[in-house]
Amino acid sequence: MSLIHPWMGWLALLAVIPVILHWLMRPQPKKLLFPALRLIQIRKKQNTRRLR
């Protein structure tokens, strides 16, 4: 039984390598600005300018 445990540890490490590679190599999400939010941001800038 003592011989199985070290192999299980190494196999667990080998099984984690693809998960880590996938996590590191995944593409970054693109920032998507919805038109309604863009209009709200423009109005917010206009209102802050108007209040100054």
C-alpha atoms as a PDB file:
ATOM      1  CA  MET A   1       0.000   0.000   0.000  1.00  0.00           C
ATOM      2  CA  SER A   2       2.854   2.410   0.698  1.00  0.00           C
ATOM      3  CA  LEU A   3       4.000   2.250  -2.938  1.00  0.00           C
ATOM      4  CA  ILE A   4       0.618   3.391  -4.270  1.00  0.00           C
ATOM      5  CA  HIS A   5       0.462   6.660  -2.341  1.00  0.00           C
ATOM      6  CA  PRO A   6       3.500   8.393  -3.910  1.00  0.00           C
ATOM      7  CA  TRP A   7       2.245   7.494  -7.380  1.00  0.00           C
ATOM      8  CA  MET A   8      -1.172   8.897  -6.578  1.00  0.00           C
ATOM      9  CA  GLY A   9       0.437  12.190  -5.576  1.00  0.00           C
ATOM     10  CA  TRP A  10       2.376  12.403  -8.825  1.00  0.00           C
ATOM     11  CA  LEU A  11      -0.685  11.482 -10.870  1.00  0.00           C
ATOM     12  CA  ALA A  12      -2.695  14.187  -9.129  1.00  0.00           C
ATOM     13  CA  LEU A  13      -0.007  16.739 -10.000  1.00  0.00           C
ATOM     14  CA  LEU A  14       0.014  15.563 -13.614  1.00  0.00           C
ATOM     15  CA  ALA A  15      -3.783  15.820 -13.767  1.00  0.00           C
ATOM     16  CA  VAL A  16      -3.682  19.434 -12.559  1.00  0.00           C
ATOM     17  CA  ILE A  17      -1.222  20.612 -15.250  1.00  0.00           C
ATOM     18  CA  PRO A  18      -3.819  20.831 -18.086  1.00  0.00           C
ATOM     19  CA  VAL A  19      -6.175  22.768 -15.815  1.00  0.00           C
ATOM     20  CA  ILE A  20      -3.455  25.281 -14.954  1.00  0.00           C
ATOM     21  CA  LEU A  21      -2.453  25.630 -18.617  1.00  0.00           C
ATOM     22  CA  HIS A  22      -6.076  26.215 -19.607  1.00  0.00           C
ATOM     23  CA  TRP A  23      -6.440  28.847 -16.890  1.00  0.00           C
ATOM     24  CA  LEU A  24      -3.286  30.676 -17.975  1.00  0.00           C
ATOM     25  CA  MET A  25      -3.904  30.511 -21.732  1.00  0.00           C
ATOM     26  CA  ARG A  26      -7.580  31.469 -21.835  1.00  0.00           C
ATOM     27  CA  PRO A  27      -8.354  34.609 -23.835  1.00  0.00           C
ATOM     28  CA  GLN A  28      -9.081  37.820 -21.982  1.00  0.00           C
ATOM     29  CA  PRO A  29     -12.706  38.909 -22.189  1.00  0.00           C
ATOM     30  CA  LYS A  30     -13.399  41.836 -24.466  1.00  0.00           C
ATOM     31  CA  LYS A  31     -14.952  44.911 -22.941  1.00  0.00           C
ATOM     32  CA  LEU A  32     -18.333  45.389 -24.508  1.00  0.00           C
ATOM     33  CA  LEU A  33     -20.053  48.694 -23.926  1.00  0.00           C
ATOM     34  CA  PHE A  34     -23.777  48.516 -24.476  1.00  0.00           C
ATOM     35  CA  PRO A  35     -25.277  51.504 -26.321  1.00  0.00           C
ATOM     36  CA  ALA A  36     -27.701  52.288 -23.501  1.00  0.00           C
ATOM     37  CA  LEU A  37     -24.869  52.371 -20.976  1.00  0.00           C
ATOM     38  CA  ARG A  38     -22.842  54.564 -23.291  1.00  0.00           C
ATOM     39  CA  LEU A  39     -25.694  57.071 -23.467  1.00  0.00           C
ATOM     40  CA  ILE A  40     -26.052  57.045 -19.692  1.00  0.00           C
ATOM     41  CA  GLN A  41     -22.334  57.749 -19.300  1.00  0.00           C
ATOM     42  CA  ILE A  42     -22.505  60.624 -21.797  1.00  0.00           C
ATOM     43  CA  ARG A  43     -25.475  62.133 -19.961  1.00  0.00           C
ATOM     44  CA  LYS A  44     -23.667  61.752 -16.640  1.00  0.00           C
ATOM     45  CA  LYS A  45     -20.664  63.672 -18.006  1.00  0.00           C
ATOM     46  CA  GLN A  46     -22.942  66.376 -19.378  1.00  0.00           C
ATOM     47  CA  ASN A  47     -24.758  66.709 -16.060  1.00  0.00           C
ATOM     48  CA  THR A  48     -21.529  66.991 -14.079  1.00  0.00           C
ATOM     49  CA  ARG A  49     -20.288  69.684 -16.460  1.00  0.00           C
ATOM     50  CA  ARG A  50     -23.579  71.520 -16.152  1.00  0.00           C
ATOM     51  CA  LEU A  51     -23.482  71.410 -12.336  1.00  0.00           C
ATOM     52  CA  ARG A  52     -19.977  72.890 -12.177  1.00  0.00           C
END
